[in-house]
Amino acid sequence: MDPFSAEGELLNIHSAFHSGQYQNVLDFETSVLSPENQLPAQVLKLRAQIALGQYDEALAEPSIEEDSPDLSAVKALALQSSGKTDAALQLAQELAENYPDNNTVQVLGATVLQAQGLSEEALAVLAKHQGNLEAVSLIVQIQLQQNRTDLALKEVQAAKRWAQDSLLVNIAESWVGLRVGGEKYQSAFYVYEELASAPSTSAPLSIVGQAVAEIHLGRLPEAEAAITAALEKYPTDVELIANSIVLNVLAGKPSEELEARLQQVQPAHSLLADIQEKSEFFDASAAKFSAKASS
């Protein structure tokens, strides 16, 4: 295989991963890649396993114990996703301190930090990036979670000046559009609709994005139909399950079964932590009300 074709194969793996085609990533034949591209491909394959909930398989991979910051960062992500949060945090912080310029460490280390509520620490790690589009997209996600839509918009606009046609930048711009609202809802819907309709990129990520846009556009039945159909095809996809829970809440339907499924697939998911926190807050408030009523 000529080197240009091999290079294109790595780009295909990247595209498949970032559009949510995780099984396709695992199915790619990577033995044809050049030695310098073997590690990036291996990292993507392990991340795809983690995204599919195969944490034990990823952690059992012998190479993950190699003395490599990239593979160690993947290990930190697998530990975090499997609920071993203390070990994940310790490893992520060590890697961020010792390998601050490593792209994989930046993205996966920051992902672990953000998952544990350390947003500013995560942003500090990501701020060291040099043209790392994954870092840009994660910065945008964190800023949106902080309700700093203004900063997220600036981040996207800056990235568009040097990566106009990037899939990651287009998706990040759609995230911001869903927060800005108005006509941006429809623009975001078109981006995800195009992704979902393309056979090469039809995957849970694009379906979730399309469904979220549908919700904002007031088309709840269409969103529910899309998510339900996708869940039948991808029953263990974390984001599909999480968004289906949100849809059920909006529609006034029970979500206990889906919450149990999410607990099984990714026990450390932020939605579960949020549900638990709000449940405890409700119980505490109800107890205070009951005490006043009885007195």
Protein backbone atom coordinates (compact mmCIF):
# COMPACT_ATOMS: atom_id res chain seq x y z
CA MET A 1 0.00 0.00 0.00
CA ASP A 2 1.47 3.39 -0.94
CA PRO A 3 2.15 5.89 1.87
CA PHE A 4 -0.50 8.31 0.65
CA SER A 5 -3.19 5.63 0.83
CA ALA A 6 -1.99 4.63 4.31
CA GLU A 7 -2.14 8.25 5.42
CA GLY A 8 -5.66 8.48 4.03
CA GLU A 9 -6.59 5.37 6.00
CA LEU A 10 -5.57 7.11 9.25
CA LEU A 11 -7.70 10.11 8.28
CA ASN A 12 -10.61 7.73 7.69
CA ILE A 13 -10.16 6.28 11.18
CA HIS A 14 -10.13 9.80 12.65
CA SER A 15 -13.28 10.71 10.73
CA ALA A 16 -15.05 7.51 11.78
CA PHE A 17 -14.16 8.05 15.43
CA HIS A 18 -15.24 11.67 15.58
CA SER A 19 -18.53 10.93 13.85
CA GLY A 20 -19.25 8.20 16.40
CA GLN A 21 -18.69 5.12 14.21
CA TYR A 22 -16.86 3.29 16.96
CA GLN A 23 -17.36 -0.24 15.67
CA ASN A 24 -16.03 0.83 12.29
CA VAL A 25 -12.93 2.17 14.03
CA LEU A 26 -12.36 -1.22 15.64
CA ASP A 27 -12.83 -2.93 12.28
CA PHE A 28 -10.22 -0.85 10.46
CA GLU A 29 -7.13 -2.74 9.31
CA THR A 30 -4.23 -0.75 10.74
CA SER A 31 -1.30 -3.06 9.94
CA VAL A 32 -0.78 -1.18 6.66
CA LEU A 33 -0.10 2.10 8.44
CA SER A 34 3.36 3.56 8.72
CA PRO A 35 5.17 3.09 12.05
CA GLU A 36 4.54 6.71 13.09
CA ASN A 37 0.79 6.27 12.50
CA GLN A 38 0.46 2.99 14.37
CA LEU A 39 0.24 4.62 17.79
CA PRO A 40 -2.41 7.24 16.85
CA ALA A 41 -4.51 4.46 15.29
CA GLN A 42 -4.10 2.26 18.36
CA VAL A 43 -5.16 5.13 20.61
CA LEU A 44 -8.30 5.67 18.53
CA LYS A 45 -9.14 1.96 18.63
CA LEU A 46 -8.82 1.86 22.42
CA ARG A 47 -10.91 5.02 22.74
CA ALA A 48 -13.54 3.43 20.51
CA GLN A 49 -13.64 0.43 22.86
CA ILE A 50 -14.13 2.76 25.81
CA ALA A 51 -16.88 4.65 23.97
CA LEU A 52 -18.63 1.31 23.40
CA GLY A 53 -18.46 0.53 27.12
CA GLN A 54 -15.73 -2.08 26.73
CA TYR A 55 -13.65 -0.71 29.61
CA ASP A 56 -12.35 -4.03 30.88
CA GLU A 57 -11.22 -5.01 27.38
CA ALA A 58 -9.38 -1.73 26.95
CA LEU A 59 -7.71 -1.99 30.35
CA ALA A 60 -6.75 -5.60 29.62
CA GLU A 61 -4.95 -4.62 26.42
CA PRO A 62 -1.24 -5.36 27.13
CA SER A 63 -0.03 -2.28 25.27
CA ILE A 64 -1.91 0.03 27.63
CA GLU A 65 0.74 -0.70 30.27
CA GLU A 66 3.56 0.40 27.98
CA ASP A 67 5.65 3.41 28.95
CA SER A 68 3.79 5.74 26.63
CA PRO A 69 2.03 8.97 27.66
CA ASP A 70 -0.58 8.46 24.92
CA LEU A 71 -1.52 4.98 26.10
CA SER A 72 -1.36 6.04 29.75
CA ALA A 73 -3.84 8.81 28.93
CA VAL A 74 -6.14 6.21 27.41
CA LYS A 75 -5.80 4.16 30.59
CA ALA A 76 -6.83 7.20 32.66
CA LEU A 77 -9.94 7.61 30.48
CA ALA A 78 -10.81 3.91 30.81
CA LEU A 79 -10.41 4.09 34.58
CA GLN A 80 -12.64 7.18 34.75
CA SER A 81 -15.32 5.65 32.53
CA SER A 82 -15.36 2.42 34.56
CA GLY A 83 -15.91 4.31 37.81
CA LYS A 84 -12.34 4.10 39.19
CA THR A 85 -12.25 7.85 39.54
CA ASP A 86 -9.51 8.26 42.17
CA ALA A 87 -6.98 6.28 40.15
CA ALA A 88 -8.04 8.07 36.96
CA LEU A 89 -7.60 11.52 38.49
CA GLN A 90 -4.19 10.73 39.95
CA LEU A 91 -2.95 9.38 36.61
CA ALA A 92 -4.42 12.26 34.59
CA GLN A 93 -2.81 14.88 36.85
CA GLU A 94 0.57 13.14 36.71
CA LEU A 95 0.44 12.97 32.92
CA ALA A 96 -0.63 16.61 32.58
CA GLU A 97 2.32 17.66 34.72
CA ASN A 98 4.90 15.50 32.98
CA TYR A 99 3.68 15.63 29.36
CA PRO A 100 1.89 18.99 28.98
CA ASP A 101 2.53 19.24 25.22
CA ASN A 102 1.24 15.77 24.31
CA ASN A 103 -2.01 16.04 22.31
CA THR A 104 -3.53 12.84 23.70
CA VAL A 105 -2.66 13.78 27.26
CA GLN A 106 -4.20 17.21 26.75
CA VAL A 107 -7.52 15.86 25.47
CA LEU A 108 -7.96 12.71 27.55
CA GLY A 109 -6.40 14.17 30.69
CA ALA A 110 -8.69 17.19 30.45
CA THR A 111 -11.66 14.89 29.83
CA VAL A 112 -10.97 13.10 33.12
CA LEU A 113 -10.47 16.40 34.97
CA GLN A 114 -13.70 17.85 33.58
CA ALA A 115 -15.63 14.68 34.44
CA GLN A 116 -14.57 15.19 38.05
CA GLY A 117 -15.65 18.81 38.15
CA LEU A 118 -12.19 20.34 37.75
CA SER A 119 -13.10 22.61 34.86
CA GLU A 120 -10.43 25.27 35.36
CA GLU A 121 -7.73 22.65 35.71
CA ALA A 122 -8.99 20.98 32.52
CA LEU A 123 -8.95 24.29 30.63
CA ALA A 124 -5.41 25.00 31.85
CA VAL A 125 -4.27 21.68 30.38
CA LEU A 126 -6.05 22.35 27.08
CA ALA A 127 -4.69 25.90 26.83
CA LYS A 128 -1.27 24.42 26.03
CA HIS A 129 -2.44 22.97 22.72
CA GLN A 130 -0.89 23.97 19.41
CA GLY A 131 -3.42 23.44 16.62
CA ASN A 132 -5.11 20.47 18.31
CA LEU A 133 -8.70 20.45 17.03
CA GLU A 134 -9.83 17.93 19.63
CA ALA A 135 -8.56 20.30 22.29
CA VAL A 136 -10.53 23.13 20.68
CA SER A 137 -13.74 21.09 20.66
CA LEU A 138 -13.27 20.09 24.31
CA ILE A 139 -12.61 23.71 25.30
CA VAL A 140 -15.90 24.64 23.61
CA GLN A 141 -17.75 21.86 25.47
CA ILE A 142 -16.39 22.97 28.83
CA GLN A 143 -17.15 26.63 28.19
CA LEU A 144 -20.71 25.76 27.25
CA GLN A 145 -21.07 23.72 30.44
CA GLN A 146 -19.87 26.81 32.29
CA ASN A 147 -22.55 28.85 30.50
CA ARG A 148 -19.83 30.92 28.82
CA THR A 149 -21.37 30.86 25.37
CA ASP A 150 -19.50 34.06 24.51
CA LEU A 151 -16.13 32.38 25.04
CA ALA A 152 -17.22 29.22 23.22
CA LEU A 153 -18.31 31.31 20.23
CA LYS A 154 -14.95 33.11 20.14
CA GLU A 155 -13.14 29.76 20.32
CA VAL A 156 -15.10 28.41 17.34
CA GLN A 157 -14.64 31.59 15.31
CA ALA A 158 -10.89 31.52 15.92
CA ALA A 159 -10.67 27.83 14.92
CA LYS A 160 -12.63 28.46 11.72
CA ARG A 161 -9.87 30.81 10.53
CA TRP A 162 -7.42 27.90 10.28
CA ALA A 163 -9.68 24.82 10.10
CA GLN A 164 -12.76 25.98 8.20
CA ASP A 165 -13.78 22.58 6.77
CA SER A 166 -12.98 20.44 9.80
CA LEU A 167 -15.68 18.03 10.96
CA LEU A 168 -14.80 18.82 14.58
CA VAL A 169 -15.11 22.57 14.06
CA ASN A 170 -18.44 22.18 12.26
CA ILE A 171 -19.80 20.07 15.09
CA ALA A 172 -18.47 22.48 17.72
CA GLU A 173 -20.13 25.35 15.88
CA SER A 174 -23.40 23.40 16.00
CA TRP A 175 -23.05 22.96 19.77
CA VAL A 176 -22.68 26.71 20.13
CA GLY A 177 -25.61 27.27 17.77
CA LEU A 178 -27.84 25.10 19.94
CA ARG A 179 -26.96 27.32 22.90
CA VAL A 180 -27.32 30.63 21.02
CA GLY A 181 -30.76 29.63 19.73
CA GLY A 182 -33.06 31.33 17.25
CA GLU A 183 -32.18 30.60 13.65
CA LYS A 184 -29.06 28.78 14.86
CA TYR A 185 -31.26 25.84 15.90
CA GLN A 186 -32.15 25.20 12.28
CA SER A 187 -28.53 25.65 11.15
CA ALA A 188 -27.39 23.07 13.71
CA PHE A 189 -30.15 20.71 12.62
CA TYR A 190 -28.96 20.88 9.00
CA VAL A 191 -25.38 20.01 10.01
CA TYR A 192 -26.49 16.93 11.93
CA GLU A 193 -29.06 15.96 9.33
CA GLU A 194 -26.33 15.94 6.69
CA LEU A 195 -24.11 13.83 8.92
CA ALA A 196 -26.92 11.40 9.75
CA SER A 197 -28.01 10.99 6.14
CA ALA A 198 -24.54 10.12 4.86
CA PRO A 199 -24.02 6.32 4.92
CA SER A 200 -20.36 6.80 5.77
CA THR A 201 -21.06 8.90 8.85
CA SER A 202 -24.48 7.78 10.08
CA ALA A 203 -23.82 7.13 13.75
CA PRO A 204 -25.19 7.83 17.23
CA LEU A 205 -23.32 11.14 17.52
CA SER A 206 -25.06 12.66 14.51
CA ILE A 207 -28.43 11.18 15.52
CA VAL A 208 -28.14 12.64 19.03
CA GLY A 209 -27.23 16.05 17.63
CA GLN A 210 -30.13 15.95 15.20
CA ALA A 211 -32.53 14.92 17.98
CA VAL A 212 -31.34 17.71 20.30
CA ALA A 213 -31.90 20.22 17.50
CA GLU A 214 -35.38 18.76 16.96
CA ILE A 215 -36.16 19.28 20.67
CA HIS A 216 -35.16 22.94 20.48
CA LEU A 217 -37.28 23.34 17.35
CA GLY A 218 -40.28 22.00 19.25
CA ARG A 219 -40.40 18.72 17.34
CA LEU A 220 -40.41 16.33 20.29
CA PRO A 221 -42.07 13.34 18.51
CA GLU A 222 -39.47 13.48 15.71
CA ALA A 223 -36.64 13.62 18.26
CA GLU A 224 -38.10 10.69 20.18
CA ALA A 225 -38.52 8.61 17.02
CA ALA A 226 -34.90 9.21 15.99
CA ILE A 227 -33.46 8.38 19.41
CA THR A 228 -35.67 5.29 19.84
CA ALA A 229 -34.68 3.88 16.45
CA ALA A 230 -31.01 4.55 17.12
CA LEU A 231 -31.18 2.90 20.56
CA GLU A 232 -32.50 -0.29 18.98
CA LYS A 233 -29.41 -0.35 16.76
CA TYR A 234 -26.93 0.88 19.39
CA PRO A 235 -28.39 -0.25 22.76
CA THR A 236 -25.23 0.45 24.76
CA ASP A 237 -24.31 3.84 23.31
CA VAL A 238 -23.81 6.12 26.30
CA GLU A 239 -24.96 9.40 24.75
CA LEU A 240 -28.02 7.80 23.16
CA ILE A 241 -29.07 6.40 26.53
CA ALA A 242 -28.42 9.69 28.31
CA ASN A 243 -30.36 11.74 25.79
CA SER A 244 -33.19 9.22 25.80
CA ILE A 245 -33.47 9.76 29.57
CA VAL A 246 -33.73 13.51 29.00
CA LEU A 247 -36.37 12.97 26.31
CA ASN A 248 -38.42 10.78 28.65
CA VAL A 249 -38.31 13.47 31.33
CA LEU A 250 -39.49 16.09 28.83
CA ALA A 251 -42.27 13.79 27.65
CA GLY A 252 -43.30 12.87 31.22
CA LYS A 253 -42.34 9.21 30.77
CA PRO A 254 -40.53 6.98 33.29
CA SER A 255 -36.78 6.65 32.81
CA GLU A 256 -35.75 4.23 35.57
CA GLU A 257 -34.95 1.41 33.13
CA LEU A 258 -32.75 3.68 31.03
CA GLU A 259 -31.02 5.05 34.13
CA ALA A 260 -30.24 1.48 35.19
CA ARG A 261 -28.83 0.75 31.73
CA LEU A 262 -26.65 3.87 31.87
CA GLN A 263 -25.47 2.87 35.34
CA GLN A 264 -24.42 -0.47 33.94
CA VAL A 265 -22.71 0.93 30.83
CA GLN A 266 -21.02 3.97 32.40
CA PRO A 267 -21.49 4.28 36.16
CA ALA A 268 -19.52 7.54 36.33
CA HIS A 269 -21.63 9.37 33.73
CA SER A 270 -22.27 13.01 34.67
CA LEU A 271 -26.04 12.68 34.10
CA LEU A 272 -26.28 9.98 36.78
CA ALA A 273 -24.37 12.19 39.20
CA ASP A 274 -26.70 15.07 38.39
CA ILE A 275 -29.81 12.92 38.89
CA GLN A 276 -28.45 11.66 42.22
CA GLU A 277 -27.63 15.18 43.38
CA LYS A 278 -31.10 16.49 42.51
CA SER A 279 -32.76 13.46 44.10
CA GLU A 280 -30.88 14.08 47.35
CA PHE A 281 -31.77 17.77 47.22
CA PHE A 282 -35.45 16.91 46.70
CA ASP A 283 -35.42 14.43 49.60
CA ALA A 284 -33.79 17.00 51.88
CA SER A 285 -36.33 19.66 50.89
CA ALA A 286 -39.24 17.23 51.33
CA ALA A 287 -37.97 16.27 54.78
CA LYS A 288 -37.89 19.95 55.84
CA PHE A 289 -41.41 20.46 54.52
CA SER A 290 -42.67 17.35 56.33
CA ALA A 291 -41.09 18.52 59.57
CA LYS A 292 -42.80 21.92 59.33
CA ALA A 293 -46.15 20.34 58.44
CA SER A 294 -46.03 17.96 61.41
CA SER A 295 -45.17 20.74 63.86
